[in-house]
Every structure is written in C-alpha cells, then in structure tokens.
Amino acid sequence: MPYHSSNNSPKNSDKIPSKIKQNIINAYNLTPAKKNKLMNHANHHSLKHIKMMADFMTKKKMSFIDSHKNTMKKIGK
C-alpha cells in the first residue's frame, strides 16, 4: 500500500466514520479541530449521540467534554 501524505496515520485510516456521520458533522458550524475530534469520536458512538453533541457544542456553546457528559446522561452511547 503506497504511503499518502495526509493527516490520518496508517493506524487510524480504517477508523474513518461513515459518510453519513461525516456529512452530519460537516453541516454544523464547528472549528476544524472540533470537527476532527467529533469525527474520531463518531467511531465509538451512534449517529444520534453525535448529532446531540454537535447541537450542544454549537447551540449551547458547550465544550466537547461537557456536551459528551450531557449526551451520555440523556441518550447514552
């Protein structure tokens, strides 16, 4: 497999979230760093979880950690 210079290391290349999750995340007005963090987080959580976190981060101006804690309380993984 040829090496491509990208931000993804070879170990993380197989953990890219589905296109649906990517499109949902990109639809929100988040900073590039927050989008990247949320995309990596999407590998472990449901679409509903990711949407709620993105809502908290954009509409309620919560941090990543606070939005994750509140989402886990409301809907879980």
Protein backbone atom coordinates (compact mmCIF):
# COMPACT_ATOMS: atom_id res chain seq x y z
CA MET A 1 0.00 0.00 0.00
CA PRO A 2 1.58 3.30 -1.03
CA TYR A 3 2.08 5.98 1.56
CA HIS A 4 -0.10 9.05 1.12
CA SER A 5 0.75 12.19 2.99
CA SER A 6 -2.36 13.02 4.94
CA ASN A 7 -3.37 13.88 8.46
CA ASN A 8 -4.50 10.31 9.13
CA SER A 9 -1.85 7.91 10.29
CA PRO A 10 -1.97 4.43 8.75
CA LYS A 11 -3.32 3.04 12.04
CA ASN A 12 -6.28 5.46 12.05
CA SER A 13 -7.15 5.18 8.35
CA ASP A 14 -9.56 2.28 8.96
CA LYS A 15 -11.42 4.19 11.68
CA ILE A 16 -12.96 6.87 9.46
CA PRO A 17 -16.65 7.33 10.31
CA SER A 18 -19.30 6.61 7.74
CA LYS A 19 -20.12 9.21 5.09
CA ILE A 20 -23.42 9.93 6.82
CA LYS A 21 -21.70 10.84 10.07
CA GLN A 22 -19.13 12.93 8.17
CA ASN A 23 -21.89 14.85 6.39
CA ILE A 24 -23.75 15.48 9.64
CA ILE A 25 -20.62 16.74 11.37
CA ASN A 26 -19.70 18.98 8.43
CA ALA A 27 -23.18 20.52 8.46
CA TYR A 28 -22.50 22.11 11.84
CA ASN A 29 -20.57 25.33 12.24
CA LEU A 30 -17.67 23.88 14.24
CA THR A 31 -13.99 24.71 14.19
CA PRO A 32 -11.80 22.31 12.19
CA ALA A 33 -10.28 20.97 15.42
CA LYS A 34 -13.71 20.23 16.91
CA LYS A 35 -14.88 18.61 13.66
CA ASN A 36 -11.83 16.36 13.63
CA LYS A 37 -12.31 15.40 17.27
CA LEU A 38 -16.00 14.69 16.72
CA MET A 39 -15.26 12.57 13.62
CA ASN A 40 -12.84 10.43 15.63
CA HIS A 41 -15.41 10.23 18.41
CA ALA A 42 -18.07 9.09 15.92
CA ASN A 43 -16.31 5.73 15.58
CA HIS A 44 -17.47 4.79 19.06
CA HIS A 45 -20.95 6.30 19.19
CA SER A 46 -24.30 6.34 17.40
CA LEU A 47 -25.46 8.95 14.93
CA LYS A 48 -27.99 10.21 17.47
CA HIS A 49 -25.20 10.70 20.01
CA ILE A 50 -23.07 12.64 17.53
CA LYS A 51 -25.97 14.89 16.47
CA MET A 52 -26.83 15.75 20.05
CA MET A 53 -23.20 16.51 20.88
CA ALA A 54 -22.90 18.78 17.85
CA ASP A 55 -26.10 20.56 18.86
CA PHE A 56 -24.78 21.16 22.37
CA MET A 57 -21.44 22.39 21.04
CA THR A 58 -22.97 24.83 18.55
CA LYS A 59 -26.27 25.97 20.04
CA LYS A 60 -25.44 25.88 23.75
CA LYS A 61 -21.71 26.66 23.32
CA MET A 62 -20.66 23.70 25.45
CA SER A 63 -17.20 22.22 25.44
CA PHE A 64 -16.58 18.80 23.93
CA ILE A 65 -16.37 17.15 27.36
CA ASP A 66 -19.50 18.85 28.73
CA SER A 67 -21.50 18.02 25.61
CA HIS A 68 -20.37 14.39 25.84
CA LYS A 69 -21.34 14.12 29.52
CA ASN A 70 -24.80 15.60 28.90
CA THR A 71 -25.37 13.41 25.86
CA MET A 72 -24.39 10.28 27.78
CA LYS A 73 -26.89 11.20 30.52
CA LYS A 74 -29.72 11.81 28.04
CA ILE A 75 -29.32 9.09 25.40
CA GLY A 76 -26.24 7.04 26.21
CA LYS A 77 -23.93 5.61 23.61
